[in-house]
């Protein structure tokens, strides 16, 4: 029996859900048989799921364009992340109208603060709630106005992850927007 590279029998038992095990099996089967080509403009559920759960997956250009322009594709990504990301903001701040600097989420607290050394930069600080939980490797920021951003996170130091962002970046703007959804995976 041929086994998928990097996929041991233990991986099946460690899958977080039945759905994740099914997708792992689908990926394994796909590597054994040639896959029919998908038109460059079509975005499949598999594209969205892989983008959400694989921190090193390189998304197809069609997916990136759809995430930037199509609210339905962003909503699909939100639904996948709501089921697979262990850490996310509690809810959108619907009643808020001003920029926010602190977000509380399930398992974390995120703070944005201005850099003292350079006013053109801000620090994004993520304080993790539990040392027992695995540290997130990816930050997802989904905004109806600014599209979607996926950012690789550095390893935490004493339960804190810190990034330095440019004040004018789309990521900083989206994180300050109360209508933006934030997921850590």
C-alpha atoms as a PDB file:
ATOM      1  CA  UNK A   1       0.000   0.000   0.000  1.00  0.00           C
ATOM      2  CA  UNK A   2       1.360   3.393  -0.935  1.00  0.00           C
ATOM      3  CA  UNK A   3       1.290   5.978   1.824  1.00  0.00           C
ATOM      4  CA  UNK A   4       1.092   9.740   1.357  1.00  0.00           C
ATOM      5  CA  UNK A   5       4.475  11.363   2.155  1.00  0.00           C
ATOM      6  CA  UNK A   6       4.405  12.872   5.619  1.00  0.00           C
ATOM      7  CA  UNK A   7       1.075  11.261   6.512  1.00  0.00           C
ATOM      8  CA  UNK A   8       1.424   8.526   9.095  1.00  0.00           C
ATOM      9  CA  UNK A   9      -1.299   6.365  10.559  1.00  0.00           C
ATOM     10  CA  UNK A  10      -1.095   8.528  13.706  1.00  0.00           C
ATOM     11  CA  UNK A  11      -2.136  11.580  11.690  1.00  0.00           C
ATOM     12  CA  UNK A  12      -5.597  10.066  11.181  1.00  0.00           C
ATOM     13  CA  UNK A  13      -6.069   9.626  14.922  1.00  0.00           C
ATOM     14  CA  UNK A  14      -4.800  13.161  15.614  1.00  0.00           C
ATOM     15  CA  UNK A  15      -7.232  14.814  13.198  1.00  0.00           C
ATOM     16  CA  UNK A  16      -9.305  17.425  15.033  1.00  0.00           C
ATOM     17  CA  UNK A  17     -12.508  16.265  13.374  1.00  0.00           C
ATOM     18  CA  UNK A  18     -13.951  13.737  10.995  1.00  0.00           C
ATOM     19  CA  UNK A  19     -14.052  16.441   8.303  1.00  0.00           C
ATOM     20  CA  UNK A  20     -10.324  17.091   8.701  1.00  0.00           C
ATOM     21  CA  UNK A  21      -9.619  13.349   8.361  1.00  0.00           C
ATOM     22  CA  UNK A  22     -11.729  13.270   5.172  1.00  0.00           C
ATOM     23  CA  UNK A  23      -9.735  16.147   3.691  1.00  0.00           C
ATOM     24  CA  UNK A  24      -6.474  14.485   4.680  1.00  0.00           C
ATOM     25  CA  UNK A  25      -7.639  11.338   2.862  1.00  0.00           C
ATOM     26  CA  UNK A  26      -8.686  13.440  -0.139  1.00  0.00           C
ATOM     27  CA  UNK A  27      -5.223  15.035  -0.311  1.00  0.00           C
ATOM     28  CA  UNK A  28      -3.566  11.620  -0.012  1.00  0.00           C
ATOM     29  CA  UNK A  29      -5.692  10.205  -2.848  1.00  0.00           C
ATOM     30  CA  UNK A  30      -5.044  13.269  -4.953  1.00  0.00           C
ATOM     31  CA  UNK A  31      -1.300  12.712  -4.757  1.00  0.00           C
ATOM     32  CA  UNK A  32      -1.703   9.125  -6.027  1.00  0.00           C
ATOM     33  CA  UNK A  33      -3.825   9.884  -9.090  1.00  0.00           C
ATOM     34  CA  UNK A  34      -3.508  12.703 -11.612  1.00  0.00           C
ATOM     35  CA  UNK A  35      -5.975  15.477 -10.862  1.00  0.00           C
ATOM     36  CA  UNK A  36      -8.011  17.020 -13.662  1.00  0.00           C
ATOM     37  CA  UNK A  37      -7.046  20.605 -14.200  1.00  0.00           C
ATOM     38  CA  UNK A  38      -9.331  23.234 -12.670  1.00  0.00           C
ATOM     39  CA  UNK A  39      -9.911  26.386 -14.719  1.00  0.00           C
ATOM     40  CA  UNK A  40      -7.807  29.288 -13.410  1.00  0.00           C
ATOM     41  CA  UNK A  41     -10.880  31.352 -12.514  1.00  0.00           C
ATOM     42  CA  UNK A  42     -12.724  28.681 -10.480  1.00  0.00           C
ATOM     43  CA  UNK A  43     -12.368  28.640  -6.688  1.00  0.00           C
ATOM     44  CA  UNK A  44     -13.206  25.319  -5.062  1.00  0.00           C
ATOM     45  CA  UNK A  45     -14.048  24.495  -1.468  1.00  0.00           C
ATOM     46  CA  UNK A  46     -10.803  22.534  -1.367  1.00  0.00           C
ATOM     47  CA  UNK A  47      -8.891  25.747  -2.266  1.00  0.00           C
ATOM     48  CA  UNK A  48     -10.575  27.617   0.600  1.00  0.00           C
ATOM     49  CA  UNK A  49     -10.118  24.771   3.116  1.00  0.00           C
ATOM     50  CA  UNK A  50      -6.439  24.296   2.264  1.00  0.00           C
ATOM     51  CA  UNK A  51      -5.814  28.054   2.531  1.00  0.00           C
ATOM     52  CA  UNK A  52      -7.458  28.023   5.977  1.00  0.00           C
ATOM     53  CA  UNK A  53      -5.759  24.995   7.515  1.00  0.00           C
ATOM     54  CA  UNK A  54      -2.324  24.761   5.862  1.00  0.00           C
ATOM     55  CA  UNK A  55      -0.022  27.548   7.086  1.00  0.00           C
ATOM     56  CA  UNK A  56       2.481  27.026   4.239  1.00  0.00           C
ATOM     57  CA  UNK A  57       0.049  26.391   1.365  1.00  0.00           C
ATOM     58  CA  UNK A  58       0.531  28.684  -1.597  1.00  0.00           C
ATOM     59  CA  UNK A  59      -2.933  29.784  -2.741  1.00  0.00           C
ATOM     60  CA  UNK A  60      -3.854  29.936  -6.402  1.00  0.00           C
ATOM     61  CA  UNK A  61      -4.144  33.434  -7.841  1.00  0.00           C
ATOM     62  CA  UNK A  62      -7.865  32.865  -8.455  1.00  0.00           C
ATOM     63  CA  UNK A  63      -8.446  32.354  -4.721  1.00  0.00           C
ATOM     64  CA  UNK A  64      -6.589  35.534  -3.766  1.00  0.00           C
ATOM     65  CA  UNK A  65      -8.567  37.543  -6.326  1.00  0.00           C
ATOM     66  CA  UNK A  66     -11.855  36.029  -5.133  1.00  0.00           C
ATOM     67  CA  UNK A  67     -11.052  36.771  -1.482  1.00  0.00           C
ATOM     68  CA  UNK A  68     -10.354  40.398  -2.392  1.00  0.00           C
ATOM     69  CA  UNK A  69     -13.457  40.896  -4.522  1.00  0.00           C
ATOM     70  CA  UNK A  70     -16.137  38.348  -3.639  1.00  0.00           C
ATOM     71  CA  UNK A  71     -17.969  38.556  -0.312  1.00  0.00           C
ATOM     72  CA  UNK A  72     -19.356  35.036  -0.743  1.00  0.00           C
ATOM     73  CA  UNK A  73     -15.850  33.555  -0.889  1.00  0.00           C
ATOM     74  CA  UNK A  74     -14.842  35.576   2.202  1.00  0.00           C
ATOM     75  CA  UNK A  75     -17.969  34.280   3.976  1.00  0.00           C
ATOM     76  CA  UNK A  76     -17.020  30.708   3.034  1.00  0.00           C
ATOM     77  CA  UNK A  77     -13.553  31.275   4.506  1.00  0.00           C
ATOM     78  CA  UNK A  78     -15.125  32.732   7.658  1.00  0.00           C
ATOM     79  CA  UNK A  79     -17.286  29.615   8.043  1.00  0.00           C
ATOM     80  CA  UNK A  80     -14.309  27.273   7.580  1.00  0.00           C
ATOM     81  CA  UNK A  81     -12.217  29.242  10.082  1.00  0.00           C
ATOM     82  CA  UNK A  82     -15.102  29.418  12.572  1.00  0.00           C
ATOM     83  CA  UNK A  83     -15.044  25.608  12.624  1.00  0.00           C
ATOM     84  CA  UNK A  84     -11.291  25.009  12.453  1.00  0.00           C
ATOM     85  CA  UNK A  85      -9.538  27.959  14.137  1.00  0.00           C
ATOM     86  CA  UNK A  86      -9.251  27.449  17.887  1.00  0.00           C
ATOM     87  CA  UNK A  87      -8.848  31.185  18.546  1.00  0.00           C
ATOM     88  CA  UNK A  88     -11.089  33.947  17.205  1.00  0.00           C
ATOM     89  CA  UNK A  89     -12.570  37.244  18.264  1.00  0.00           C
ATOM     90  CA  UNK A  90     -15.750  36.936  20.306  1.00  0.00           C
ATOM     91  CA  UNK A  91     -17.874  38.860  17.800  1.00  0.00           C
ATOM     92  CA  UNK A  92     -17.801  41.854  15.537  1.00  0.00           C
ATOM     93  CA  UNK A  93     -18.136  45.188  17.289  1.00  0.00           C
ATOM     94  CA  UNK A  94     -21.283  46.103  15.367  1.00  0.00           C
ATOM     95  CA  UNK A  95     -22.251  49.079  17.496  1.00  0.00           C
ATOM     96  CA  UNK A  96     -18.759  50.562  17.523  1.00  0.00           C
ATOM     97  CA  UNK A  97     -18.035  53.358  15.084  1.00  0.00           C
ATOM     98  CA  UNK A  98     -14.466  54.348  15.961  1.00  0.00           C
ATOM     99  CA  UNK A  99     -11.157  52.551  15.513  1.00  0.00           C
ATOM    100  CA  UNK A 100     -10.357  49.887  18.060  1.00  0.00           C
ATOM    101  CA  UNK A 101      -7.025  49.167  19.689  1.00  0.00           C
ATOM    102  CA  UNK A 102      -7.883  46.059  21.756  1.00  0.00           C
ATOM    103  CA  UNK A 103      -9.681  42.878  20.731  1.00  0.00           C
ATOM    104  CA  UNK A 104     -10.639  40.119  23.122  1.00  0.00           C
ATOM    105  CA  UNK A 105     -11.012  36.676  21.691  1.00  0.00           C
ATOM    106  CA  UNK A 106     -11.348  33.060  22.655  1.00  0.00           C
ATOM    107  CA  UNK A 107      -7.885  32.257  24.045  1.00  0.00           C
ATOM    108  CA  UNK A 108      -6.175  35.579  23.356  1.00  0.00           C
ATOM    109  CA  UNK A 109      -6.135  39.354  23.736  1.00  0.00           C
ATOM    110  CA  UNK A 110      -4.840  41.481  20.870  1.00  0.00           C
ATOM    111  CA  UNK A 111      -3.575  45.032  21.340  1.00  0.00           C
ATOM    112  CA  UNK A 112      -2.385  47.658  18.870  1.00  0.00           C
ATOM    113  CA  UNK A 113      -0.131  50.412  20.192  1.00  0.00           C
ATOM    114  CA  UNK A 114       1.959  53.112  18.578  1.00  0.00           C
ATOM    115  CA  UNK A 115       5.724  52.647  18.466  1.00  0.00           C
ATOM    116  CA  UNK A 116       7.608  55.173  20.574  1.00  0.00           C
ATOM    117  CA  UNK A 117      10.637  54.985  18.296  1.00  0.00           C
ATOM    118  CA  UNK A 118       8.774  55.576  15.021  1.00  0.00           C
ATOM    119  CA  UNK A 119       5.279  57.109  14.804  1.00  0.00           C
ATOM    120  CA  UNK A 120       4.871  55.449  11.393  1.00  0.00           C
ATOM    121  CA  UNK A 121       4.790  52.010  13.000  1.00  0.00           C
ATOM    122  CA  UNK A 122       2.538  50.188  15.450  1.00  0.00           C
ATOM    123  CA  UNK A 123       3.026  47.068  17.524  1.00  0.00           C
ATOM    124  CA  UNK A 124       0.537  44.244  17.297  1.00  0.00           C
ATOM    125  CA  UNK A 125       0.734  42.301  20.556  1.00  0.00           C
ATOM    126  CA  UNK A 126      -1.145  39.034  21.009  1.00  0.00           C
ATOM    127  CA  UNK A 127      -1.279  37.688  24.569  1.00  0.00           C
ATOM    128  CA  UNK A 128      -2.200  34.032  24.591  1.00  0.00           C
ATOM    129  CA  UNK A 129      -4.503  32.855  27.352  1.00  0.00           C
ATOM    130  CA  UNK A 130      -3.345  29.283  27.866  1.00  0.00           C
ATOM    131  CA  UNK A 131       0.166  27.884  27.758  1.00  0.00           C
ATOM    132  CA  UNK A 132      -1.324  24.389  27.401  1.00  0.00           C
ATOM    133  CA  UNK A 133      -2.922  25.135  24.015  1.00  0.00           C
ATOM    134  CA  UNK A 134      -0.737  24.956  20.905  1.00  0.00           C
ATOM    135  CA  UNK A 135       0.504  28.378  19.827  1.00  0.00           C
ATOM    136  CA  UNK A 136      -1.128  29.718  16.660  1.00  0.00           C
ATOM    137  CA  UNK A 137       1.011  29.894  13.528  1.00  0.00           C
ATOM    138  CA  UNK A 138      -1.274  32.024  11.363  1.00  0.00           C
ATOM    139  CA  UNK A 139      -3.326  35.203  11.752  1.00  0.00           C
ATOM    140  CA  UNK A 140      -6.360  35.664   9.479  1.00  0.00           C
ATOM    141  CA  UNK A 141      -7.913  39.114   9.167  1.00  0.00           C
ATOM    142  CA  UNK A 142     -11.109  39.233   7.085  1.00  0.00           C
ATOM    143  CA  UNK A 143     -12.699  42.566   6.235  1.00  0.00           C
ATOM    144  CA  UNK A 144     -15.523  43.289   3.828  1.00  0.00           C
ATOM    145  CA  UNK A 145     -13.811  46.589   2.975  1.00  0.00           C
ATOM    146  CA  UNK A 146     -10.154  45.537   2.900  1.00  0.00           C
ATOM    147  CA  UNK A 147     -10.375  41.887   1.787  1.00  0.00           C
ATOM    148  CA  UNK A 148      -8.498  39.095   3.498  1.00  0.00           C
ATOM    149  CA  UNK A 149      -4.995  38.872   4.944  1.00  0.00           C
ATOM    150  CA  UNK A 150      -3.166  35.726   6.057  1.00  0.00           C
ATOM    151  CA  UNK A 151      -0.032  36.416   8.105  1.00  0.00           C
ATOM    152  CA  UNK A 152       2.497  33.907   9.420  1.00  0.00           C
ATOM    153  CA  UNK A 153       3.098  34.478  13.126  1.00  0.00           C
ATOM    154  CA  UNK A 154       6.418  34.190  14.960  1.00  0.00           C
ATOM    155  CA  UNK A 155       6.700  31.817  17.898  1.00  0.00           C
ATOM    156  CA  UNK A 156       5.443  33.295  21.163  1.00  0.00           C
ATOM    157  CA  UNK A 157       7.855  34.415  23.865  1.00  0.00           C
ATOM    158  CA  UNK A 158       6.419  33.938  27.360  1.00  0.00           C
ATOM    159  CA  UNK A 159       2.935  33.631  25.880  1.00  0.00           C
ATOM    160  CA  UNK A 160       3.205  36.824  23.802  1.00  0.00           C
ATOM    161  CA  UNK A 161       3.416  37.192  20.017  1.00  0.00           C
ATOM    162  CA  UNK A 162       4.539  40.563  18.705  1.00  0.00           C
ATOM    163  CA  UNK A 163       4.600  42.025  15.183  1.00  0.00           C
ATOM    164  CA  UNK A 164       5.700  45.462  13.986  1.00  0.00           C
ATOM    165  CA  UNK A 165       3.363  46.934  11.344  1.00  0.00           C
ATOM    166  CA  UNK A 166       3.402  50.049   9.220  1.00  0.00           C
ATOM    167  CA  UNK A 167       0.593  52.395  10.308  1.00  0.00           C
ATOM    168  CA  UNK A 168      -0.585  52.802   6.697  1.00  0.00           C
ATOM    169  CA  UNK A 169      -0.647  49.065   5.915  1.00  0.00           C
ATOM    170  CA  UNK A 170      -3.910  47.351   4.955  1.00  0.00           C
ATOM    171  CA  UNK A 171      -3.371  44.900   7.816  1.00  0.00           C
ATOM    172  CA  UNK A 172      -3.138  47.659  10.437  1.00  0.00           C
ATOM    173  CA  UNK A 173      -6.193  49.384   8.981  1.00  0.00           C
ATOM    174  CA  UNK A 174      -8.216  46.170   8.978  1.00  0.00           C
ATOM    175  CA  UNK A 175      -7.234  45.343  12.575  1.00  0.00           C
ATOM    176  CA  UNK A 176      -8.480  48.770  13.704  1.00  0.00           C
ATOM    177  CA  UNK A 177     -11.803  48.319  11.906  1.00  0.00           C
ATOM    178  CA  UNK A 178     -14.498  47.068  14.319  1.00  0.00           C
ATOM    179  CA  UNK A 179     -16.219  45.190  11.476  1.00  0.00           C
ATOM    180  CA  UNK A 180     -13.190  42.969  10.811  1.00  0.00           C
ATOM    181  CA  UNK A 181     -13.110  39.308  11.824  1.00  0.00           C
ATOM    182  CA  UNK A 182      -9.886  37.951  13.350  1.00  0.00           C
ATOM    183  CA  UNK A 183      -8.911  34.279  13.591  1.00  0.00           C
ATOM    184  CA  UNK A 184      -5.752  32.659  14.950  1.00  0.00           C
ATOM    185  CA  UNK A 185      -4.902  29.166  13.794  1.00  0.00           C
END
